[in-house]
PDB file of N, CA and C in Angstrom:
ATOM      1  N   MET A   1      19.927  15.334  -7.316  1.00  0.00           N
ATOM      2  CA  MET A   1      18.853  14.503  -7.455  1.00  0.00           C
ATOM      3  C   MET A   1      17.571  15.053  -7.030  1.00  0.00           C
ATOM      4  N   PHE A   2      17.916  15.409  -5.873  1.00  0.00           N
ATOM      5  CA  PHE A   2      16.890  15.881  -4.885  1.00  0.00           C
ATOM      6  C   PHE A   2      16.204  16.984  -5.403  1.00  0.00           C
ATOM      7  N   GLU A   3      16.957  18.039  -6.087  1.00  0.00           N
ATOM      8  CA  GLU A   3      16.167  18.954  -6.743  1.00  0.00           C
ATOM      9  C   GLU A   3      15.228  18.724  -8.142  1.00  0.00           C
ATOM     10  N   ASP A   4      15.855  17.338  -8.685  1.00  0.00           N
ATOM     11  CA  ASP A   4      14.903  16.959  -9.828  1.00  0.00           C
ATOM     12  C   ASP A   4      13.700  16.330  -9.389  1.00  0.00           C
ATOM     13  N   LEU A   5      13.779  15.948  -8.318  1.00  0.00           N
ATOM     14  CA  LEU A   5      12.453  15.430  -7.546  1.00  0.00           C
ATOM     15  C   LEU A   5      11.487  16.315  -7.223  1.00  0.00           C
ATOM     16  N   ARG A   6      12.045  17.435  -6.566  1.00  0.00           N
ATOM     17  CA  ARG A   6      11.104  18.715  -6.214  1.00  0.00           C
ATOM     18  C   ARG A   6      10.655  19.288  -7.265  1.00  0.00           C
ATOM     19  N   ALA A   7      11.419  19.339  -8.389  1.00  0.00           N
ATOM     20  CA  ALA A   7      11.129  20.201  -9.419  1.00  0.00           C
ATOM     21  C   ALA A   7       9.609  19.051 -10.220  1.00  0.00           C
ATOM     22  N   ALA A   8      10.007  17.970 -10.031  1.00  0.00           N
ATOM     23  CA  ALA A   8       8.758  17.027 -10.701  1.00  0.00           C
ATOM     24  C   ALA A   8       7.660  17.146  -9.441  1.00  0.00           C
ATOM     25  N   LYS A   9       7.659  17.730  -8.576  1.00  0.00           N
ATOM     26  CA  LYS A   9       6.471  17.820  -7.109  1.00  0.00           C
ATOM     27  C   LYS A   9       6.639  16.238  -6.614  1.00  0.00           C
ATOM     28  N   VAL A  10       7.666  15.638  -6.578  1.00  0.00           N
ATOM     29  CA  VAL A  10       7.537  14.318  -5.996  1.00  0.00           C
ATOM     30  C   VAL A  10       7.672  14.337  -4.278  1.00  0.00           C
ATOM     31  N   LEU A  11       6.658  13.961  -3.740  1.00  0.00           N
ATOM     32  CA  LEU A  11       6.424  14.246  -2.354  1.00  0.00           C
ATOM     33  C   LEU A  11       7.117  13.230  -1.327  1.00  0.00           C
ATOM     34  N   ASN A  12       7.500  12.024  -2.172  1.00  0.00           N
ATOM     35  CA  ASN A  12       7.826  10.806  -1.179  1.00  0.00           C
ATOM     36  C   ASN A  12       8.619   9.791  -2.179  1.00  0.00           C
ATOM     37  N   PHE A  13       9.448   9.272  -1.388  1.00  0.00           N
ATOM     38  CA  PHE A  13      10.032   8.164  -2.483  1.00  0.00           C
ATOM     39  C   PHE A  13      10.281   7.013  -1.308  1.00  0.00           C
ATOM     40  N   GLU A  14      10.171   5.565  -1.778  1.00  0.00           N
ATOM     41  CA  GLU A  14      10.905   4.755  -0.695  1.00  0.00           C
ATOM     42  C   GLU A  14      11.416   3.668  -1.753  1.00  0.00           C
ATOM     43  N   MET A  15      11.870   2.475  -1.013  1.00  0.00           N
ATOM     44  CA  MET A  15      13.038   1.694  -1.550  1.00  0.00           C
ATOM     45  C   MET A  15      12.445   0.273  -1.884  1.00  0.00           C
ATOM     46  N   GLU A  16      11.386  -0.399  -1.271  1.00  0.00           N
ATOM     47  CA  GLU A  16      10.885  -1.742  -1.340  1.00  0.00           C
ATOM     48  C   GLU A  16       9.731  -1.649  -2.081  1.00  0.00           C
ATOM     49  N   GLY A  17       8.642  -1.008  -2.029  1.00  0.00           N
ATOM     50  CA  GLY A  17       7.492  -1.498  -2.272  1.00  0.00           C
ATOM     51  C   GLY A  17       7.210  -1.579  -3.972  1.00  0.00           C
ATOM     52  N   ALA A  18       7.805  -0.650  -4.742  1.00  0.00           N
ATOM     53  CA  ALA A  18       7.785  -1.287  -6.147  1.00  0.00           C
ATOM     54  C   ALA A  18       8.151  -2.627  -6.326  1.00  0.00           C
ATOM     55  N   THR A  19       9.592  -2.738  -5.664  1.00  0.00           N
ATOM     56  CA  THR A  19       9.895  -4.603  -5.824  1.00  0.00           C
ATOM     57  C   THR A  19       8.860  -5.402  -5.265  1.00  0.00           C
ATOM     58  N   ILE A  20       8.545  -5.183  -4.205  1.00  0.00           N
ATOM     59  CA  ILE A  20       7.449  -6.398  -3.980  1.00  0.00           C
ATOM     60  C   ILE A  20       6.161  -6.300  -4.753  1.00  0.00           C
ATOM     61  N   THR A  21       5.656  -5.302  -5.147  1.00  0.00           N
ATOM     62  CA  THR A  21       4.660  -5.267  -5.953  1.00  0.00           C
ATOM     63  C   THR A  21       4.792  -5.954  -7.252  1.00  0.00           C
ATOM     64  N   THR A  22       6.009  -5.558  -7.932  1.00  0.00           N
ATOM     65  CA  THR A  22       6.340  -5.937  -9.197  1.00  0.00           C
ATOM     66  C   THR A  22       6.412  -7.521  -8.937  1.00  0.00           C
ATOM     67  N   MET A  23       7.204  -8.152  -8.024  1.00  0.00           N
ATOM     68  CA  MET A  23       7.133  -9.518  -7.894  1.00  0.00           C
ATOM     69  C   MET A  23       5.959 -10.130  -7.532  1.00  0.00           C
ATOM     70  N   ALA A  24       5.167  -9.764  -6.828  1.00  0.00           N
ATOM     71  CA  ALA A  24       3.830 -10.182  -6.637  1.00  0.00           C
ATOM     72  C   ALA A  24       3.187 -10.261  -7.969  1.00  0.00           C
ATOM     73  N   ARG A  25       3.037  -9.543  -8.609  1.00  0.00           N
ATOM     74  CA  ARG A  25       2.485  -9.203  -9.685  1.00  0.00           C
ATOM     75  C   ARG A  25       3.037 -10.283 -11.187  1.00  0.00           C
ATOM     76  N   ILE A  26       4.504 -10.423 -10.820  1.00  0.00           N
ATOM     77  CA  ILE A  26       5.018 -11.536 -11.930  1.00  0.00           C
ATOM     78  C   ILE A  26       4.335 -12.938 -11.135  1.00  0.00           C
ATOM     79  N   PHE A  27       4.416 -13.235 -10.060  1.00  0.00           N
ATOM     80  CA  PHE A  27       3.967 -14.756  -9.616  1.00  0.00           C
ATOM     81  C   PHE A  27       2.534 -14.612  -8.994  1.00  0.00           C
ATOM     82  N   GLY A  28       2.034 -13.781  -9.977  1.00  0.00           N
ATOM     83  CA  GLY A  28       0.167 -13.812  -9.625  1.00  0.00           C
ATOM     84  C   GLY A  28      -0.415 -13.632  -8.424  1.00  0.00           C
ATOM     85  N   LYS A  29       0.384 -12.851  -7.617  1.00  0.00           N
ATOM     86  CA  LYS A  29      -0.183 -12.665  -6.508  1.00  0.00           C
ATOM     87  C   LYS A  29      -0.456 -11.127  -6.434  1.00  0.00           C
ATOM     88  N   ARG A  30      -1.366 -10.672  -5.167  1.00  0.00           N
ATOM     89  CA  ARG A  30      -1.180  -9.430  -4.799  1.00  0.00           C
ATOM     90  C   ARG A  30      -0.856  -8.887  -3.821  1.00  0.00           C
ATOM     91  N   ALA A  31      -0.088  -7.732  -3.871  1.00  0.00           N
ATOM     92  CA  ALA A  31       0.616  -6.817  -2.572  1.00  0.00           C
ATOM     93  C   ALA A  31      -0.006  -5.541  -2.847  1.00  0.00           C
ATOM     94  N   GLY A  32       0.561  -4.844  -1.702  1.00  0.00           N
ATOM     95  CA  GLY A  32       0.323  -3.761  -1.500  1.00  0.00           C
ATOM     96  C   GLY A  32       1.344  -2.791  -0.427  1.00  0.00           C
ATOM     97  N   MET A  33       1.543  -1.830  -0.220  1.00  0.00           N
ATOM     98  CA  MET A  33       2.430  -1.175   0.886  1.00  0.00           C
ATOM     99  C   MET A  33       1.729  -0.066   1.612  1.00  0.00           C
ATOM    100  N   CYS A  34       2.229   0.203   2.559  1.00  0.00           N
ATOM    101  CA  CYS A  34       1.646   1.692   3.435  1.00  0.00           C
ATOM    102  C   CYS A  34       3.008   1.924   3.948  1.00  0.00           C
ATOM    103  N   ALA A  35       3.424   3.088   3.753  1.00  0.00           N
ATOM    104  CA  ALA A  35       4.294   3.776   4.398  1.00  0.00           C
ATOM    105  C   ALA A  35       4.477   4.944   5.333  1.00  0.00           C
ATOM    106  N   THR A  36       5.374   4.970   6.179  1.00  0.00           N
ATOM    107  CA  THR A  36       5.279   6.215   7.220  1.00  0.00           C
ATOM    108  C   THR A  36       6.735   6.699   6.885  1.00  0.00           C
ATOM    109  N   VAL A  37       6.582   8.009   7.336  1.00  0.00           N
ATOM    110  CA  VAL A  37       8.169   8.887   7.159  1.00  0.00           C
ATOM    111  C   VAL A  37       8.715   8.423   8.422  1.00  0.00           C
ATOM    112  N   VAL A  38      10.028   8.059   8.070  1.00  0.00           N
ATOM    113  CA  VAL A  38      11.196   7.895   8.939  1.00  0.00           C
ATOM    114  C   VAL A  38      12.411   8.411   8.692  1.00  0.00           C
ATOM    115  N   ALA A  39      12.550   9.014   7.571  1.00  0.00           N
ATOM    116  CA  ALA A  39      13.721   9.616   6.991  1.00  0.00           C
ATOM    117  C   ALA A  39      13.506  10.743   6.077  1.00  0.00           C
ATOM    118  N   HIS A  40      14.043  12.098   6.857  1.00  0.00           N
ATOM    119  CA  HIS A  40      13.619  13.364   5.849  1.00  0.00           C
ATOM    120  C   HIS A  40      14.922  13.115   4.969  1.00  0.00           C
ATOM    121  N   ARG A  41      15.432  12.931   4.110  1.00  0.00           N
ATOM    122  CA  ARG A  41      16.348  12.662   2.938  1.00  0.00           C
ATOM    123  C   ARG A  41      17.195  14.281   2.994  1.00  0.00           C
ATOM    124  N   ILE A  42      16.434  15.394   2.848  1.00  0.00           N
ATOM    125  CA  ILE A  42      16.888  16.703   2.625  1.00  0.00           C
ATOM    126  C   ILE A  42      17.717  17.022   3.955  1.00  0.00           C
ATOM    127  N   THR A  43      17.198  16.859   4.794  1.00  0.00           N
ATOM    128  CA  THR A  43      17.701  17.321   6.048  1.00  0.00           C
ATOM    129  C   THR A  43      18.164  16.273   7.144  1.00  0.00           C
ATOM    130  N   GLY A  44      18.086  15.050   6.588  1.00  0.00           N
ATOM    131  CA  GLY A  44      19.035  13.960   7.228  1.00  0.00           C
ATOM    132  C   GLY A  44      18.321  13.569   8.693  1.00  0.00           C
ATOM    133  N   GLU A  45      17.287  14.192   8.966  1.00  0.00           N
ATOM    134  CA  GLU A  45      16.278  14.032  10.255  1.00  0.00           C
ATOM    135  C   GLU A  45      15.725  12.790   9.915  1.00  0.00           C
ATOM    136  N   TRP A  46      15.596  12.283  11.077  1.00  0.00           N
ATOM    137  CA  TRP A  46      15.110  10.692  11.724  1.00  0.00           C
ATOM    138  C   TRP A  46      13.966  10.991  12.490  1.00  0.00           C
ATOM    139  N   ASN A  47      12.833  10.032  11.728  1.00  0.00           N
ATOM    140  CA  ASN A  47      11.705  10.009  13.060  1.00  0.00           C
ATOM    141  C   ASN A  47      11.239   8.534  13.106  1.00  0.00           C
ATOM    142  N   GLU A  48      11.768   7.893  14.358  1.00  0.00           N
ATOM    143  CA  GLU A  48      11.458   6.562  14.441  1.00  0.00           C
ATOM    144  C   GLU A  48       9.910   6.661  15.439  1.00  0.00           C
ATOM    145  N   ASP A  49       9.068   6.782  14.996  1.00  0.00           N
ATOM    146  CA  ASP A  49       7.907   7.119  15.782  1.00  0.00           C
ATOM    147  C   ASP A  49       7.001   5.726  15.909  1.00  0.00           C
ATOM    148  N   PRO A  50       7.286   4.935  16.913  1.00  0.00           N
ATOM    149  CA  PRO A  50       6.574   3.827  16.922  1.00  0.00           C
ATOM    150  C   PRO A  50       4.738   3.936  16.733  1.00  0.00           C
ATOM    151  N   GLU A  51       4.259   4.855  17.077  1.00  0.00           N
ATOM    152  CA  GLU A  51       2.875   4.993  16.677  1.00  0.00           C
ATOM    153  C   GLU A  51       2.635   5.291  15.252  1.00  0.00           C
ATOM    154  N   ALA A  52       3.310   5.947  14.797  1.00  0.00           N
ATOM    155  CA  ALA A  52       3.417   5.719  13.076  1.00  0.00           C
ATOM    156  C   ALA A  52       3.297   4.469  12.626  1.00  0.00           C
ATOM    157  N   GLU A  53       4.201   3.301  13.024  1.00  0.00           N
ATOM    158  CA  GLU A  53       4.350   2.209  12.584  1.00  0.00           C
ATOM    159  C   GLU A  53       2.932   1.393  12.944  1.00  0.00           C
ATOM    160  N   GLN A  54       2.643   1.485  14.235  1.00  0.00           N
ATOM    161  CA  GLN A  54       1.373   0.956  14.524  1.00  0.00           C
ATOM    162  C   GLN A  54       0.072   1.119  13.776  1.00  0.00           C
ATOM    163  N   ARG A  55       0.086   2.554  13.433  1.00  0.00           N
ATOM    164  CA  ARG A  55      -1.037   3.078  12.620  1.00  0.00           C
ATOM    165  C   ARG A  55      -0.824   2.292  11.318  1.00  0.00           C
ATOM    166  N   ALA A  56       0.285   2.582  10.861  1.00  0.00           N
ATOM    167  CA  ALA A  56       0.652   1.656   9.106  1.00  0.00           C
ATOM    168  C   ALA A  56       0.263   0.327   9.353  1.00  0.00           C
ATOM    169  N   CYS A  57       0.592  -0.435  10.551  1.00  0.00           N
ATOM    170  CA  CYS A  57       0.210  -2.064  10.675  1.00  0.00           C
ATOM    171  C   CYS A  57      -1.341  -2.020  10.602  1.00  0.00           C
ATOM    172  N   LEU A  58      -2.230  -1.088  11.398  1.00  0.00           N
ATOM    173  CA  LEU A  58      -3.404  -0.971  11.346  1.00  0.00           C
ATOM    174  C   LEU A  58      -4.146  -0.952   9.807  1.00  0.00           C
ATOM    175  N   VAL A  59      -3.409  -0.156   9.200  1.00  0.00           N
ATOM    176  CA  VAL A  59      -4.054   0.239   7.918  1.00  0.00           C
ATOM    177  C   VAL A  59      -3.888  -1.102   7.243  1.00  0.00           C
ATOM    178  N   GLY A  60      -2.927  -1.990   7.337  1.00  0.00           N
ATOM    179  CA  GLY A  60      -2.277  -3.045   6.465  1.00  0.00           C
ATOM    180  C   GLY A  60      -3.327  -3.918   6.773  1.00  0.00           C
ATOM    181  N   ALA A  61      -4.198  -4.009   8.231  1.00  0.00           N
ATOM    182  CA  ALA A  61      -4.792  -5.117   8.726  1.00  0.00           C
ATOM    183  C   ALA A  61      -5.898  -4.767   7.854  1.00  0.00           C
ATOM    184  N   GLU A  62      -6.387  -3.731   7.984  1.00  0.00           N
ATOM    185  CA  GLU A  62      -7.869  -3.033   7.483  1.00  0.00           C
ATOM    186  C   GLU A  62      -7.965  -3.475   6.056  1.00  0.00           C
ATOM    187  N   ALA A  63      -6.813  -3.103   5.238  1.00  0.00           N
ATOM    188  CA  ALA A  63      -7.095  -3.561   4.012  1.00  0.00           C
ATOM    189  C   ALA A  63      -7.087  -5.000   3.652  1.00  0.00           C
ATOM    190  N   LEU A  64      -6.469  -5.814   4.556  1.00  0.00           N
ATOM    191  CA  LEU A  64      -6.577  -7.060   4.633  1.00  0.00           C
ATOM    192  C   LEU A  64      -8.149  -7.524   4.574  1.00  0.00           C
ATOM    193  N   ARG A  65      -8.461  -6.929   5.594  1.00  0.00           N
ATOM    194  CA  ARG A  65      -9.995  -7.133   6.143  1.00  0.00           C
ATOM    195  C   ARG A  65     -11.078  -6.923   4.962  1.00  0.00           C
ATOM    196  N   ILE A  66     -10.771  -5.566   4.182  1.00  0.00           N
ATOM    197  CA  ILE A  66     -11.596  -5.204   3.083  1.00  0.00           C
ATOM    198  C   ILE A  66     -11.375  -6.180   1.782  1.00  0.00           C
ATOM    199  N   LEU A  67     -10.170  -6.546   1.553  1.00  0.00           N
ATOM    200  CA  LEU A  67     -10.081  -7.337   0.296  1.00  0.00           C
ATOM    201  C   LEU A  67     -10.625  -8.853   0.579  1.00  0.00           C
ATOM    202  N   THR A  68     -10.253  -9.384   2.022  1.00  0.00           N
ATOM    203  CA  THR A  68     -11.341 -10.550   2.301  1.00  0.00           C
ATOM    204  C   THR A  68     -12.801 -10.716   2.047  1.00  0.00           C
ATOM    205  N   GLY A  69     -13.264  -9.568   2.482  1.00  0.00           N
ATOM    206  CA  GLY A  69     -14.472  -9.387   2.140  1.00  0.00           C
ATOM    207  C   GLY A  69     -14.842  -9.247   0.629  1.00  0.00           C
ATOM    208  N   TRP A  70     -14.217  -8.486   0.087  1.00  0.00           N
ATOM    209  CA  TRP A  70     -14.537  -8.491  -1.801  1.00  0.00           C
ATOM    210  C   TRP A  70     -14.121  -9.941  -2.241  1.00  0.00           C
ATOM    211  N   ASP A  71     -13.078 -10.681  -1.794  1.00  0.00           N
ATOM    212  CA  ASP A  71     -13.260 -11.848  -2.004  1.00  0.00           C
ATOM    213  C   ASP A  71     -13.949 -12.867  -1.816  1.00  0.00           C
ATOM    214  N   MET A  72     -14.672 -12.797  -0.668  1.00  0.00           N
ATOM    215  CA  MET A  72     -15.755 -13.540  -0.234  1.00  0.00           C
ATOM    216  C   MET A  72     -16.858 -13.383  -1.261  1.00  0.00           C
ATOM    217  N   ALA A  73     -17.129 -12.020  -1.612  1.00  0.00           N
ATOM    218  CA  ALA A  73     -18.432 -11.423  -2.041  1.00  0.00           C
ATOM    219  C   ALA A  73     -18.131 -11.978  -3.518  1.00  0.00           C
ATOM    220  N   LYS A  74     -16.963 -12.051  -4.251  1.00  0.00           N
ATOM    221  CA  LYS A  74     -16.814 -12.480  -5.820  1.00  0.00           C
ATOM    222  C   LYS A  74     -16.878 -14.028  -5.552  1.00  0.00           C
ATOM    223  N   ASN A  75     -16.142 -14.672  -4.744  1.00  0.00           N
ATOM    224  CA  ASN A  75     -16.698 -15.949  -4.662  1.00  0.00           C
ATOM    225  C   ASN A  75     -18.011 -16.652  -4.527  1.00  0.00           C
ATOM    226  N   ALA A  76     -19.083 -16.020  -3.735  1.00  0.00           N
ATOM    227  CA  ALA A  76     -20.329 -16.286  -3.723  1.00  0.00           C
ATOM    228  C   ALA A  76     -20.976 -16.125  -4.523  1.00  0.00           C
ATOM    229  N   ALA A  77     -20.614 -14.816  -5.447  1.00  0.00           N
ATOM    230  CA  ALA A  77     -21.430 -14.781  -6.911  1.00  0.00           C
ATOM    231  C   ALA A  77     -21.002 -15.555  -7.870  1.00  0.00           C
ATOM    232  N   GLY A  78     -19.866 -16.106  -7.602  1.00  0.00           N
ATOM    233  CA  GLY A  78     -19.474 -16.909  -8.654  1.00  0.00           C
ATOM    234  C   GLY A  78     -18.545 -16.170  -9.683  1.00  0.00           C
ATOM    235  N   LYS A  79     -18.208 -15.117  -9.248  1.00  0.00           N
ATOM    236  CA  LYS A  79     -17.447 -14.003 -10.472  1.00  0.00           C
ATOM    237  C   LYS A  79     -16.064 -14.253 -10.498  1.00  0.00           C
ATOM    238  N   LYS A  80     -15.413 -13.752 -11.647  1.00  0.00           N
ATOM    239  CA  LYS A  80     -13.573 -13.929 -11.580  1.00  0.00           C
ATOM    240  C   LYS A  80     -13.279 -12.829 -10.930  1.00  0.00           C
ATOM    241  N   TYR A  81     -13.929 -11.612 -10.990  1.00  0.00           N
ATOM    242  CA  TYR A  81     -13.460 -10.324 -10.602  1.00  0.00           C
ATOM    243  C   TYR A  81     -14.370  -9.741  -9.468  1.00  0.00           C
ATOM    244  N   TYR A  82     -13.848  -8.796  -8.849  1.00  0.00           N
ATOM    245  CA  TYR A  82     -14.963  -8.221  -7.705  1.00  0.00           C
ATOM    246  C   TYR A  82     -15.018  -7.140  -8.348  1.00  0.00           C
ATOM    247  N   PHE A  83     -16.577  -6.328  -7.981  1.00  0.00           N
ATOM    248  CA  PHE A  83     -16.614  -5.144  -8.601  1.00  0.00           C
ATOM    249  C   PHE A  83     -17.808  -4.750  -7.596  1.00  0.00           C
ATOM    250  N   PRO A  84     -17.885  -3.518  -7.310  1.00  0.00           N
ATOM    251  CA  PRO A  84     -18.580  -2.679  -6.229  1.00  0.00           C
ATOM    252  C   PRO A  84     -20.184  -3.201  -6.228  1.00  0.00           C
ATOM    253  N   THR A  85     -20.582  -3.828  -6.997  1.00  0.00           N
ATOM    254  CA  THR A  85     -22.103  -3.990  -7.090  1.00  0.00           C
ATOM    255  C   THR A  85     -22.367  -5.169  -6.153  1.00  0.00           C
ATOM    256  N   LEU A  86     -21.248  -6.036  -6.263  1.00  0.00           N
ATOM    257  CA  LEU A  86     -21.523  -7.411  -5.560  1.00  0.00           C
ATOM    258  C   LEU A  86     -21.520  -7.226  -4.069  1.00  0.00           C
ATOM    259  N   THR A  87     -21.179  -5.966  -3.426  1.00  0.00           N
ATOM    260  CA  THR A  87     -21.264  -5.697  -2.316  1.00  0.00           C
ATOM    261  C   THR A  87     -22.006  -4.604  -1.647  1.00  0.00           C
ATOM    262  N   CYS A  88     -22.748  -3.612  -2.655  1.00  0.00           N
ATOM    263  CA  CYS A  88     -23.474  -2.597  -2.564  1.00  0.00           C
ATOM    264  C   CYS A  88     -25.182  -3.290  -2.210  1.00  0.00           C
ATOM    265  N   LYS A  89     -25.563  -2.628  -1.153  1.00  0.00           N
ATOM    266  CA  LYS A  89     -27.090  -2.906  -1.503  1.00  0.00           C
ATOM    267  C   LYS A  89     -28.233  -2.097  -1.786  1.00  0.00           C
TER     268      LYS A  89
END
């Protein structure tokens, strides 16, 4: 399997993100994911770096901050969807 993934130039795979984003879409919600490298599946090496996890959490928090700002701009303009000109001056 790994040889096929390499041939397809796949650099990463994870196990939960697709399920989370699919379920969110089914229920009309938004979802996203941010991943850190923990397991090198080819070599079997593990890297449980608490700083990497902290950085991923900060990325997620910043994404939520940005999305909240977009939602506020969309709602203030009375629009159904966000588009960049709502926040560009």
